[in-house]
N, C-alpha and C. Protein backbone atom coordinates (compact mmCIF):
# COMPACT_ATOMS: atom_id res chain seq x y z
N MET A 1 17.65 -83.92 5.86
CA MET A 1 16.11 -83.49 5.63
C MET A 1 15.73 -84.34 4.21
N VAL A 2 14.28 -84.06 4.39
CA VAL A 2 13.50 -85.24 3.58
C VAL A 2 13.35 -84.09 2.26
N GLU A 3 13.15 -84.27 0.54
CA GLU A 3 13.08 -83.68 -0.17
C GLU A 3 11.66 -84.06 -0.55
N ILE A 4 10.77 -82.94 -0.95
CA ILE A 4 9.07 -82.92 -0.90
C ILE A 4 9.30 -82.90 -2.83
N VAL A 5 8.73 -84.05 -3.38
CA VAL A 5 8.63 -83.30 -4.77
C VAL A 5 7.21 -83.40 -5.02
N ALA A 6 7.19 -82.39 -5.91
CA ALA A 6 5.74 -81.79 -6.49
C ALA A 6 5.07 -83.08 -7.23
N ILE A 7 3.93 -82.92 -7.37
CA ILE A 7 3.00 -84.29 -7.86
C ILE A 7 2.58 -83.34 -9.84
N ASN A 8 2.66 -84.48 -10.62
CA ASN A 8 2.26 -83.95 -11.82
C ASN A 8 0.95 -83.12 -11.44
N PRO A 9 1.31 -82.28 -12.24
CA PRO A 9 -0.37 -81.19 -12.23
C PRO A 9 -1.53 -82.27 -12.98
N TYR A 10 -1.47 -83.05 -13.70
CA TYR A 10 -2.27 -84.06 -14.36
C TYR A 10 -2.95 -85.42 -13.56
N LEU A 11 -2.02 -85.55 -12.43
CA LEU A 11 -2.10 -86.38 -11.57
C LEU A 11 -2.95 -85.84 -10.45
N SER A 12 -2.68 -85.17 -10.54
CA SER A 12 -3.20 -84.06 -9.19
C SER A 12 -4.96 -83.85 -9.86
N ASP A 13 -4.53 -83.35 -10.73
CA ASP A 13 -6.48 -82.55 -11.27
C ASP A 13 -7.02 -84.05 -11.30
N ILE A 14 -6.69 -84.98 -11.46
CA ILE A 14 -7.38 -86.65 -11.43
C ILE A 14 -7.24 -87.10 -9.91
N THR A 15 -6.62 -86.62 -9.40
CA THR A 15 -7.03 -86.96 -7.47
C THR A 15 -8.36 -86.31 -6.64
N LEU A 16 -7.79 -84.64 -7.85
CA LEU A 16 -8.87 -83.95 -6.81
C LEU A 16 -10.27 -83.90 -7.95
N LEU A 17 -10.62 -84.40 -9.10
CA LEU A 17 -11.64 -84.40 -9.47
C LEU A 17 -12.18 -86.07 -9.16
N PHE A 18 -11.32 -87.26 -8.54
CA PHE A 18 -11.93 -87.85 -6.96
C PHE A 18 -12.19 -88.06 -6.02
N ILE A 19 -11.65 -87.27 -5.27
CA ILE A 19 -11.92 -86.96 -3.91
C ILE A 19 -13.21 -85.97 -4.15
N ASN A 20 -13.08 -84.65 -5.13
CA ASN A 20 -14.07 -84.02 -5.06
C ASN A 20 -15.85 -84.87 -5.83
N MET A 21 -15.26 -85.50 -6.25
CA MET A 21 -16.94 -87.06 -6.68
C MET A 21 -17.28 -87.65 -5.40
N LEU A 22 -16.10 -88.10 -4.70
CA LEU A 22 -16.41 -89.07 -3.37
C LEU A 22 -17.01 -87.55 -2.03
N MET A 23 -16.70 -86.61 -2.18
CA MET A 23 -16.82 -85.59 -1.27
C MET A 23 -18.94 -85.60 -1.29
N TRP A 24 -18.64 -85.40 -2.68
CA TRP A 24 -20.50 -85.11 -3.22
C TRP A 24 -21.63 -86.44 -2.86
N ALA A 25 -20.74 -87.16 -3.17
CA ALA A 25 -20.79 -88.67 -3.38
C ALA A 25 -21.46 -89.38 -1.72
N VAL A 26 -20.69 -88.45 -0.64
CA VAL A 26 -20.98 -88.33 0.97
C VAL A 26 -22.40 -87.49 1.26
N ILE A 27 -21.77 -86.31 0.88
CA ILE A 27 -23.28 -85.18 1.28
C ILE A 27 -24.32 -85.90 0.57
N ALA A 28 -24.72 -86.60 -0.43
CA ALA A 28 -25.96 -87.28 -1.68
C ALA A 28 -26.32 -88.29 -0.12
N ARG A 29 -25.25 -88.89 0.22
CA ARG A 29 -25.91 -90.27 0.92
C ARG A 29 -26.85 -89.54 2.17
N SER A 30 -25.77 -88.57 2.97
CA SER A 30 -26.10 -87.90 4.17
C SER A 30 -28.00 -87.13 4.17
N LEU A 31 -27.72 -86.49 3.18
CA LEU A 31 -29.19 -85.80 2.54
C LEU A 31 -30.37 -87.03 1.99
N LEU A 32 -29.80 -88.14 1.54
CA LEU A 32 -30.50 -88.94 1.33
C LEU A 32 -31.89 -90.12 2.39
N SER A 33 -30.42 -89.86 3.79
CA SER A 33 -30.92 -90.49 4.88
C SER A 33 -32.17 -89.39 5.25
N TRP A 34 -32.56 -88.49 5.15
CA TRP A 34 -33.27 -87.79 5.80
C TRP A 34 -34.82 -87.95 5.13
N PHE A 35 -34.50 -88.69 3.43
CA PHE A 35 -36.01 -89.06 2.93
C PHE A 35 -36.04 -90.14 3.42
N PRO A 36 -37.69 -90.86 3.24
CA PRO A 36 -37.81 -92.09 3.34
C PRO A 36 -37.94 -92.73 1.60
N ILE A 37 -36.52 -93.32 1.94
CA ILE A 37 -36.03 -94.18 -0.20
C ILE A 37 -36.05 -95.12 0.07
N ASP A 38 -36.45 -96.18 -0.97
CA ASP A 38 -36.45 -97.68 -0.77
C ASP A 38 -34.98 -97.62 -0.79
N GLN A 39 -34.07 -98.59 0.02
CA GLN A 39 -32.73 -98.91 0.22
C GLN A 39 -32.57 -99.77 -0.71
N SER A 40 -33.47 -100.34 -1.60
CA SER A 40 -33.16 -101.45 -2.56
C SER A 40 -32.94 -100.51 -3.74
N SER A 41 -32.92 -99.26 -4.16
CA SER A 41 -32.88 -98.62 -5.20
C SER A 41 -31.35 -98.21 -5.82
N PRO A 42 -31.21 -98.65 -6.70
CA PRO A 42 -30.04 -98.66 -7.51
C PRO A 42 -29.18 -97.09 -7.03
N ILE A 43 -29.46 -96.32 -6.84
CA ILE A 43 -28.98 -95.16 -6.60
C ILE A 43 -28.72 -95.28 -5.08
N TYR A 44 -29.33 -95.70 -4.46
CA TYR A 44 -29.20 -95.93 -2.67
C TYR A 44 -28.22 -96.69 -2.53
N GLN A 45 -27.91 -97.92 -3.17
CA GLN A 45 -27.33 -98.96 -3.09
C GLN A 45 -25.68 -98.43 -3.78
N MET A 46 -25.60 -97.50 -5.40
CA MET A 46 -24.32 -97.28 -5.35
C MET A 46 -23.66 -96.45 -4.46
N LEU A 47 -24.66 -95.53 -3.58
CA LEU A 47 -23.51 -94.38 -3.06
C LEU A 47 -23.26 -94.94 -1.55
N HIS A 48 -24.18 -95.63 -1.09
CA HIS A 48 -23.58 -96.78 0.12
C HIS A 48 -21.73 -97.43 -0.43
N ARG A 49 -21.96 -98.01 -1.78
CA ARG A 49 -21.00 -99.37 -2.28
C ARG A 49 -20.16 -97.96 -1.96
N VAL A 50 -19.99 -96.83 -2.54
CA VAL A 50 -18.99 -95.94 -2.91
C VAL A 50 -18.17 -95.30 -1.90
N THR A 51 -19.40 -95.41 -1.32
CA THR A 51 -19.12 -94.06 -0.07
C THR A 51 -18.42 -95.08 1.95
N ASP A 52 -19.01 -96.40 1.79
CA ASP A 52 -18.96 -96.97 2.88
C ASP A 52 -17.30 -97.67 3.34
N PRO A 53 -15.87 -97.60 2.66
CA PRO A 53 -14.74 -97.53 2.43
C PRO A 53 -13.90 -96.38 3.11
N ILE A 54 -15.28 -95.43 3.46
CA ILE A 54 -14.47 -94.09 3.66
C ILE A 54 -15.53 -93.64 4.97
N ILE A 55 -16.94 -94.16 5.19
CA ILE A 55 -17.47 -93.96 5.85
C ILE A 55 -17.22 -95.18 7.06
N ASP A 56 -16.76 -95.96 7.22
CA ASP A 56 -16.72 -97.23 7.77
C ASP A 56 -15.79 -96.98 9.18
N PRO A 57 -14.78 -96.55 8.37
CA PRO A 57 -13.54 -96.52 9.82
C PRO A 57 -13.93 -95.45 10.83
N ILE A 58 -14.76 -94.48 9.69
CA ILE A 58 -14.60 -92.94 10.81
C ILE A 58 -15.51 -93.66 11.96
N ARG A 59 -16.53 -94.07 11.03
CA ARG A 59 -17.87 -94.81 11.95
C ARG A 59 -17.02 -95.45 13.51
N LYS A 60 -16.44 -96.25 13.27
CA LYS A 60 -15.79 -96.82 14.55
C LYS A 60 -15.13 -96.15 15.29
N VAL A 61 -14.20 -95.28 14.72
CA VAL A 61 -13.55 -94.00 15.49
C VAL A 61 -14.06 -92.93 16.54
N MET A 62 -14.83 -92.65 15.23
CA MET A 62 -16.02 -91.83 16.29
C MET A 62 -16.76 -92.23 17.61
N PRO A 63 -17.01 -91.40 18.59
CA PRO A 63 -18.02 -91.43 19.66
C PRO A 63 -19.73 -91.99 18.97
N GLN A 64 -19.98 -92.25 19.35
CA GLN A 64 -21.39 -92.20 19.11
C GLN A 64 -22.22 -91.05 19.97
N SER A 65 -22.84 -90.59 18.73
CA SER A 65 -24.12 -89.50 19.62
C SER A 65 -24.86 -89.80 19.67
N ASN A 66 -26.52 -89.48 20.08
CA ASN A 66 -27.36 -89.96 20.59
C ASN A 66 -28.19 -90.59 19.17
N MET A 67 -29.03 -89.83 18.23
CA MET A 67 -29.74 -90.05 17.50
C MET A 67 -29.23 -89.44 15.84
N ILE A 68 -27.93 -88.90 16.12
CA ILE A 68 -27.37 -88.54 15.12
C ILE A 68 -25.85 -89.09 14.40
N ASP A 69 -25.96 -89.51 13.02
CA ASP A 69 -24.20 -90.05 12.76
C ASP A 69 -23.46 -89.22 12.36
N LEU A 70 -22.13 -88.95 12.84
CA LEU A 70 -21.45 -87.37 12.97
C LEU A 70 -20.21 -88.18 11.53
N SER A 71 -19.92 -89.37 11.42
CA SER A 71 -19.60 -90.04 10.65
C SER A 71 -19.22 -89.53 8.62
N PRO A 72 -20.25 -88.92 8.40
CA PRO A 72 -20.41 -88.46 7.78
C PRO A 72 -19.18 -87.52 7.17
N LEU A 73 -19.76 -86.14 8.44
CA LEU A 73 -18.79 -84.83 8.91
C LEU A 73 -17.45 -85.48 8.56
N GLY A 74 -17.63 -86.33 9.59
CA GLY A 74 -15.52 -86.30 9.65
C GLY A 74 -15.17 -87.06 8.13
N ALA A 75 -15.86 -87.46 7.78
CA ALA A 75 -15.26 -88.12 6.26
C ALA A 75 -14.85 -87.01 5.05
N ILE A 76 -15.95 -85.76 5.48
CA ILE A 76 -15.73 -84.77 4.90
C ILE A 76 -14.94 -83.83 4.62
N PHE A 77 -14.57 -83.68 6.49
CA PHE A 77 -13.43 -82.98 6.61
C PHE A 77 -11.85 -84.00 6.45
N LEU A 78 -12.51 -85.19 6.45
CA LEU A 78 -11.06 -86.19 6.32
C LEU A 78 -10.33 -85.52 3.89
N LEU A 79 -11.73 -85.69 3.80
CA LEU A 79 -11.79 -85.30 2.29
C LEU A 79 -10.96 -84.07 1.82
N ILE A 80 -11.38 -83.14 2.62
CA ILE A 80 -11.22 -81.73 2.25
C ILE A 80 -9.85 -81.57 2.75
N PHE A 81 -9.41 -82.39 4.27
CA PHE A 81 -8.15 -82.65 4.11
C PHE A 81 -7.22 -83.15 3.43
N MET A 82 -7.17 -84.14 2.78
CA MET A 82 -6.39 -84.84 1.57
C MET A 82 -6.83 -83.75 0.14
N SER A 83 -7.32 -83.36 -0.41
CA SER A 83 -7.23 -82.54 -1.50
C SER A 83 -7.11 -81.32 -0.73
N GLN A 84 -6.81 -80.45 -0.04
CA GLN A 84 -5.71 -79.26 0.13
C GLN A 84 -4.25 -80.12 0.69
N ALA A 85 -3.83 -81.02 1.36
CA ALA A 85 -2.23 -81.77 0.58
C ALA A 85 -2.51 -81.95 -0.30
N VAL A 86 -3.30 -82.82 -1.84
CA VAL A 86 -2.68 -82.86 -2.94
C VAL A 86 -2.01 -81.36 -3.34
N ARG A 87 -3.60 -80.45 -3.18
CA ARG A 87 -2.79 -79.09 -3.91
C ARG A 87 -1.50 -78.49 -3.13
N MET A 88 -0.82 -78.74 -1.89
CA MET A 88 -0.04 -78.29 -1.26
C MET A 88 1.02 -78.97 -2.39
N LEU A 89 1.21 -80.31 -2.73
CA LEU A 89 2.17 -81.01 -3.04
C LEU A 89 2.25 -80.89 -4.11
N THR A 90 1.18 -80.34 -5.06
CA THR A 90 0.95 -79.80 -6.26
C THR A 90 2.11 -78.68 -6.54
N ASP A 91 1.84 -77.50 -5.63
CA ASP A 91 2.42 -76.20 -5.75
C ASP A 91 3.41 -75.76 -5.47
N TYR A 92 3.40 -76.93 -5.16
CA TYR A 92 5.57 -77.27 -4.23
C TYR A 92 7.17 -76.72 -5.13
N ASN A 93 7.31 -75.95 -4.49
CA ASN A 93 8.39 -75.40 -5.68
C ASN A 93 9.53 -75.69 -5.17
């Protein structure tokens, strides 16, 4: 039988904060893609550098739809799943 050990609440809070910030970065990247923004701007470059490690692997796995890239949505679902897993491990007794 596998024993599940609870995560330190402080470590859990830091992890959840990181996941939350990454989720908002993915949302911001998706929203900015709808507008004509200079791709050499520092904000655009920073958002892509931060979110590429999570979006690119999902983009390779997800099937292509016509003109809509659904990989940010997949990344958001993955991040929500990760945050729920961290919360479950924190609350485990």
